[in-house]
Amino acid sequence: MPDVTSVLSEKYKGMEWSLKGSPTSESEFTAGFTIHKANGVEEPTWSAIQTELTKMQAEYDALDYSRKRKTAYDELNQYELMYDDKVNSTDKWGEAITAIKNKFPKG
C-alpha cells in the first residue's frame, strides 16, 4: 500500500533524504523530512506528494484483483490438479483457474 515514503522513493530518485515517522499532514512532513543531498532533484512539496500518492493509490487499487487471485492460486495444489487431469482425462485444474478468475475479475 503506497505511503509518503513510497512516493519519495519512487518520484525523487537520486535525492538523499530521511523522514521521521509516517506524516499525515504538511506540518508533520515539514518537521520530519530532511534532504541530505538534492543531487539536482527538485525538492518535494506536500502538494506534489499528495498528488503522486493519489495516483499510486489508484494504481494499487486497480490491481487488487491480481493480489486476490495470487492468494487463491497459491492455495491450489496446481501440480496435483494437472496430474489428475492428465491421468483421468478431466479439466479440474482449468475449472479451478476459471473459478478464481470469475471470483476476482479484472477491474
N, C-alpha and C. Protein backbone atom coordinates (compact mmCIF):
# COMPACT_ATOMS: atom_id res chain seq x y z
N MET A 1 0.84 -1.16 0.00
CA MET A 1 0.00 0.00 0.00
C MET A 1 0.90 1.24 0.00
N PRO A 2 0.66 2.14 -0.90
CA PRO A 2 1.54 3.31 -1.00
C PRO A 2 1.41 4.27 0.18
N ASP A 3 2.54 4.91 0.50
CA ASP A 3 2.57 5.92 1.54
C ASP A 3 3.56 7.00 1.13
N VAL A 4 3.81 7.97 2.00
CA VAL A 4 4.70 9.08 1.67
C VAL A 4 6.09 8.57 1.33
N THR A 5 6.58 7.59 2.07
CA THR A 5 7.91 7.04 1.79
C THR A 5 7.95 6.41 0.40
N SER A 6 6.89 5.73 0.00
CA SER A 6 6.81 5.14 -1.34
C SER A 6 6.94 6.22 -2.41
N VAL A 7 6.23 7.32 -2.21
CA VAL A 7 6.27 8.42 -3.18
C VAL A 7 7.69 8.99 -3.26
N LEU A 8 8.28 9.25 -2.11
CA LEU A 8 9.63 9.82 -2.09
C LEU A 8 10.63 8.89 -2.76
N SER A 9 10.52 7.59 -2.48
CA SER A 9 11.45 6.62 -3.06
C SER A 9 11.30 6.51 -4.57
N GLU A 10 10.07 6.58 -5.05
CA GLU A 10 9.80 6.39 -6.47
C GLU A 10 9.97 7.68 -7.28
N LYS A 11 9.45 8.76 -6.77
CA LYS A 11 9.39 10.00 -7.54
C LYS A 11 10.64 10.86 -7.40
N TYR A 12 11.38 10.69 -6.33
CA TYR A 12 12.53 11.54 -6.07
C TYR A 12 13.82 10.72 -5.99
N LYS A 13 13.98 9.85 -6.98
CA LYS A 13 15.18 9.01 -7.06
C LYS A 13 16.41 9.89 -7.25
N GLY A 14 17.48 9.52 -6.60
CA GLY A 14 18.71 10.28 -6.70
C GLY A 14 18.89 11.24 -5.53
N MET A 15 17.79 11.63 -4.91
CA MET A 15 17.87 12.52 -3.76
C MET A 15 18.16 11.68 -2.52
N GLU A 16 19.02 12.18 -1.68
CA GLU A 16 19.30 11.52 -0.40
C GLU A 16 18.52 12.25 0.67
N TRP A 17 17.64 11.54 1.35
CA TRP A 17 16.73 12.15 2.30
C TRP A 17 16.45 11.22 3.46
N SER A 18 15.87 11.77 4.51
CA SER A 18 15.39 10.96 5.63
C SER A 18 14.03 11.52 6.05
N LEU A 19 13.23 10.66 6.63
CA LEU A 19 11.88 11.03 7.04
C LEU A 19 11.58 10.36 8.36
N LYS A 20 11.12 11.14 9.32
CA LYS A 20 10.75 10.60 10.62
C LYS A 20 9.26 10.27 10.60
N GLY A 21 8.94 9.04 10.94
CA GLY A 21 7.55 8.63 11.04
C GLY A 21 6.82 8.53 9.72
N SER A 22 5.51 8.54 9.80
CA SER A 22 4.63 8.48 8.62
C SER A 22 3.73 9.70 8.66
N PRO A 23 4.18 10.81 8.07
CA PRO A 23 3.40 12.05 8.17
C PRO A 23 2.04 11.97 7.50
N THR A 24 1.07 12.61 8.14
CA THR A 24 -0.28 12.66 7.59
C THR A 24 -0.72 14.10 7.33
N SER A 25 0.19 15.04 7.57
CA SER A 25 -0.13 16.45 7.31
C SER A 25 1.14 17.16 6.84
N GLU A 26 0.94 18.33 6.27
CA GLU A 26 2.08 19.11 5.78
C GLU A 26 3.03 19.48 6.91
N SER A 27 2.48 19.83 8.06
CA SER A 27 3.34 20.22 9.19
C SER A 27 4.17 19.04 9.69
N GLU A 28 3.58 17.85 9.74
CA GLU A 28 4.33 16.65 10.14
C GLU A 28 5.42 16.35 9.13
N PHE A 29 5.10 16.50 7.85
CA PHE A 29 6.07 16.25 6.80
C PHE A 29 7.23 17.25 6.90
N THR A 30 6.90 18.52 7.03
CA THR A 30 7.93 19.56 7.11
C THR A 30 8.84 19.34 8.31
N ALA A 31 8.26 18.95 9.43
CA ALA A 31 9.03 18.73 10.65
C ALA A 31 9.92 17.49 10.57
N GLY A 32 9.49 16.48 9.83
CA GLY A 32 10.22 15.21 9.83
C GLY A 32 11.05 14.92 8.61
N PHE A 33 10.96 15.75 7.56
CA PHE A 33 11.66 15.48 6.30
C PHE A 33 12.94 16.30 6.23
N THR A 34 14.05 15.60 5.91
CA THR A 34 15.35 16.26 5.77
C THR A 34 15.99 15.82 4.47
N ILE A 35 16.46 16.78 3.70
CA ILE A 35 17.22 16.48 2.49
C ILE A 35 18.70 16.53 2.86
N HIS A 36 19.41 15.44 2.59
CA HIS A 36 20.84 15.39 2.87
C HIS A 36 21.63 15.84 1.63
N LYS A 37 21.21 15.36 0.46
CA LYS A 37 21.79 15.80 -0.81
C LYS A 37 20.68 15.79 -1.85
N ALA A 38 20.47 16.92 -2.50
CA ALA A 38 19.42 17.01 -3.51
C ALA A 38 19.84 16.35 -4.82
N ASN A 39 21.12 16.37 -5.12
CA ASN A 39 21.65 15.77 -6.35
C ASN A 39 20.89 16.22 -7.60
N GLY A 40 20.50 17.48 -7.62
CA GLY A 40 19.83 18.03 -8.78
C GLY A 40 18.35 17.72 -8.88
N VAL A 41 17.81 17.04 -7.89
CA VAL A 41 16.39 16.68 -7.89
C VAL A 41 15.61 17.79 -7.18
N GLU A 42 14.49 18.20 -7.77
CA GLU A 42 13.67 19.25 -7.19
C GLU A 42 13.11 18.81 -5.84
N GLU A 43 13.10 19.74 -4.90
CA GLU A 43 12.60 19.45 -3.55
C GLU A 43 11.10 19.14 -3.58
N PRO A 44 10.69 18.07 -2.93
CA PRO A 44 9.26 17.73 -2.94
C PRO A 44 8.44 18.66 -2.07
N THR A 45 7.23 18.92 -2.51
CA THR A 45 6.28 19.68 -1.70
C THR A 45 5.20 18.72 -1.22
N TRP A 46 4.51 19.09 -0.16
CA TRP A 46 3.43 18.25 0.35
C TRP A 46 2.34 18.05 -0.71
N SER A 47 2.06 19.11 -1.44
CA SER A 47 1.05 19.04 -2.50
C SER A 47 1.45 18.05 -3.59
N ALA A 48 2.70 18.11 -4.02
CA ALA A 48 3.18 17.19 -5.06
C ALA A 48 3.16 15.75 -4.55
N ILE A 49 3.50 15.56 -3.30
CA ILE A 49 3.49 14.22 -2.71
C ILE A 49 2.06 13.69 -2.67
N GLN A 50 1.11 14.53 -2.27
CA GLN A 50 -0.29 14.10 -2.20
C GLN A 50 -0.84 13.75 -3.58
N THR A 51 -0.46 14.53 -4.59
CA THR A 51 -0.90 14.24 -5.96
C THR A 51 -0.37 12.89 -6.42
N GLU A 52 0.91 12.65 -6.18
CA GLU A 52 1.52 11.37 -6.58
C GLU A 52 0.96 10.22 -5.75
N LEU A 53 0.71 10.46 -4.49
CA LEU A 53 0.14 9.43 -3.62
C LEU A 53 -1.24 9.00 -4.11
N THR A 54 -2.03 9.95 -4.57
CA THR A 54 -3.35 9.65 -5.13
C THR A 54 -3.22 8.77 -6.36
N LYS A 55 -2.26 9.08 -7.23
CA LYS A 55 -2.02 8.27 -8.43
C LYS A 55 -1.57 6.86 -8.06
N MET A 56 -0.63 6.78 -7.13
CA MET A 56 -0.12 5.47 -6.72
C MET A 56 -1.22 4.63 -6.07
N GLN A 57 -2.08 5.26 -5.28
CA GLN A 57 -3.17 4.55 -4.62
C GLN A 57 -4.15 4.00 -5.66
N ALA A 58 -4.43 4.80 -6.69
CA ALA A 58 -5.33 4.34 -7.76
C ALA A 58 -4.73 3.14 -8.49
N GLU A 59 -3.43 3.18 -8.76
CA GLU A 59 -2.77 2.05 -9.41
C GLU A 59 -2.81 0.82 -8.51
N TYR A 60 -2.56 1.01 -7.23
CA TYR A 60 -2.60 -0.09 -6.27
C TYR A 60 -4.00 -0.70 -6.21
N ASP A 61 -5.01 0.15 -6.12
CA ASP A 61 -6.40 -0.33 -6.05
C ASP A 61 -6.81 -1.07 -7.32
N ALA A 62 -6.32 -0.60 -8.47
CA ALA A 62 -6.67 -1.23 -9.74
C ALA A 62 -6.12 -2.65 -9.84
N LEU A 63 -5.11 -2.96 -9.07
CA LEU A 63 -4.51 -4.30 -9.12
C LEU A 63 -4.95 -5.19 -7.95
N ASP A 64 -5.99 -4.78 -7.25
CA ASP A 64 -6.49 -5.56 -6.12
C ASP A 64 -6.89 -6.98 -6.56
N TYR A 65 -7.55 -7.08 -7.72
CA TYR A 65 -7.96 -8.40 -8.22
C TYR A 65 -6.75 -9.32 -8.36
N SER A 66 -5.63 -8.78 -8.79
CA SER A 66 -4.42 -9.57 -9.02
C SER A 66 -3.88 -10.14 -7.71
N ARG A 67 -3.86 -9.33 -6.66
CA ARG A 67 -3.39 -9.80 -5.36
C ARG A 67 -4.31 -10.89 -4.82
N LYS A 68 -5.61 -10.71 -5.00
CA LYS A 68 -6.57 -11.72 -4.54
C LYS A 68 -6.43 -13.02 -5.33
N ARG A 69 -6.25 -12.89 -6.65
CA ARG A 69 -6.06 -14.09 -7.47
C ARG A 69 -4.81 -14.85 -7.04
N LYS A 70 -3.73 -14.12 -6.80
CA LYS A 70 -2.47 -14.78 -6.43
C LYS A 70 -2.65 -15.60 -5.16
N THR A 71 -3.33 -15.02 -4.19
CA THR A 71 -3.58 -15.74 -2.94
C THR A 71 -4.37 -17.02 -3.21
N ALA A 72 -5.40 -16.91 -4.03
CA ALA A 72 -6.23 -18.08 -4.34
C ALA A 72 -5.44 -19.12 -5.15
N TYR A 73 -4.62 -18.66 -6.11
CA TYR A 73 -3.81 -19.59 -6.90
C TYR A 73 -2.82 -20.33 -5.99
N ASP A 74 -2.23 -19.61 -5.05
CA ASP A 74 -1.26 -20.21 -4.14
C ASP A 74 -1.89 -21.29 -3.26
N GLU A 75 -3.19 -21.16 -3.00
CA GLU A 75 -3.88 -22.14 -2.16
C GLU A 75 -4.20 -23.43 -2.93
N LEU A 76 -4.19 -23.35 -4.26
CA LEU A 76 -4.45 -24.55 -5.07
C LEU A 76 -3.21 -25.44 -5.10
N ASN A 77 -3.43 -26.72 -5.14
CA ASN A 77 -2.33 -27.64 -5.39
C ASN A 77 -2.35 -27.88 -6.90
N GLN A 78 -1.81 -26.93 -7.65
CA GLN A 78 -1.97 -26.94 -9.09
C GLN A 78 -1.30 -28.14 -9.76
N TYR A 79 -0.13 -28.53 -9.30
CA TYR A 79 0.55 -29.66 -9.93
C TYR A 79 -0.26 -30.94 -9.75
N GLU A 80 -0.84 -31.12 -8.59
CA GLU A 80 -1.66 -32.31 -8.37
C GLU A 80 -2.91 -32.28 -9.25
N LEU A 81 -3.54 -31.12 -9.38
CA LEU A 81 -4.71 -31.00 -10.24
C LEU A 81 -4.34 -31.30 -11.70
N MET A 82 -3.20 -30.77 -12.16
CA MET A 82 -2.78 -31.02 -13.55
C MET A 82 -2.48 -32.51 -13.77
N TYR A 83 -1.84 -33.13 -12.77
CA TYR A 83 -1.52 -34.55 -12.89
C TYR A 83 -2.81 -35.37 -12.95
N ASP A 84 -3.73 -35.06 -12.04
CA ASP A 84 -5.00 -35.78 -12.03
C ASP A 84 -5.75 -35.61 -13.34
N ASP A 85 -5.72 -34.40 -13.91
CA ASP A 85 -6.37 -34.15 -15.19
C ASP A 85 -5.77 -35.03 -16.28
N LYS A 86 -4.45 -35.14 -16.30
CA LYS A 86 -3.77 -35.93 -17.33
C LYS A 86 -4.12 -37.41 -17.17
N VAL A 87 -4.09 -37.90 -15.94
CA VAL A 87 -4.37 -39.32 -15.69
C VAL A 87 -5.84 -39.65 -15.92
N ASN A 88 -6.73 -38.77 -15.52
CA ASN A 88 -8.17 -39.06 -15.55
C ASN A 88 -8.90 -38.38 -16.71
N SER A 89 -8.16 -37.72 -17.57
CA SER A 89 -8.77 -37.00 -18.72
C SER A 89 -9.88 -36.05 -18.26
N THR A 90 -9.56 -35.24 -17.25
CA THR A 90 -10.51 -34.24 -16.76
C THR A 90 -9.89 -32.85 -16.93
N ASP A 91 -10.62 -31.83 -16.52
CA ASP A 91 -10.10 -30.47 -16.59
C ASP A 91 -10.40 -29.73 -15.28
N LYS A 92 -10.13 -30.40 -14.16
CA LYS A 92 -10.37 -29.78 -12.85
C LYS A 92 -9.46 -28.58 -12.62
N TRP A 93 -8.23 -28.68 -13.12
CA TRP A 93 -7.30 -27.56 -12.96
C TRP A 93 -7.83 -26.32 -13.70
N GLY A 94 -8.21 -26.50 -14.95
CA GLY A 94 -8.75 -25.39 -15.74
C GLY A 94 -10.01 -24.82 -15.12
N GLU A 95 -10.86 -25.69 -14.60
CA GLU A 95 -12.08 -25.23 -13.95
C GLU A 95 -11.77 -24.43 -12.68
N ALA A 96 -10.77 -24.88 -11.93
CA ALA A 96 -10.38 -24.17 -10.70
C ALA A 96 -9.83 -22.78 -11.04
N ILE A 97 -9.00 -22.70 -12.09
CA ILE A 97 -8.44 -21.42 -12.51
C ILE A 97 -9.55 -20.48 -13.00
N THR A 98 -10.45 -21.01 -13.78
CA THR A 98 -11.58 -20.20 -14.28
C THR A 98 -12.45 -19.70 -13.14
N ALA A 99 -12.67 -20.54 -12.15
CA ALA A 99 -13.49 -20.14 -10.99
C ALA A 99 -12.83 -18.98 -10.25
N ILE A 100 -11.51 -19.03 -10.10
CA ILE A 100 -10.79 -17.94 -9.42
C ILE A 100 -10.89 -16.66 -10.25
N LYS A 101 -10.69 -16.77 -11.56
CA LYS A 101 -10.77 -15.59 -12.42
C LYS A 101 -12.18 -15.00 -12.39
N ASN A 102 -13.19 -15.84 -12.32
CA ASN A 102 -14.58 -15.34 -12.24
C ASN A 102 -14.86 -14.69 -10.88
N LYS A 103 -14.27 -15.24 -9.83
CA LYS A 103 -14.48 -14.72 -8.49
C LYS A 103 -13.80 -13.35 -8.33
N PHE A 104 -12.63 -13.20 -8.96
CA PHE A 104 -11.86 -11.95 -8.86
C PHE A 104 -11.60 -11.40 -10.27
N PRO A 105 -12.61 -10.82 -10.91
CA PRO A 105 -12.44 -10.31 -12.27
C PRO A 105 -11.55 -9.06 -12.30
N LYS A 106 -10.96 -8.84 -13.47
CA LYS A 106 -10.15 -7.62 -13.64
C LYS A 106 -11.07 -6.42 -13.50
N GLY A 107 -10.53 -5.40 -12.83
CA GLY A 107 -11.30 -4.19 -12.56
C GLY A 107 -11.42 -3.36 -13.75
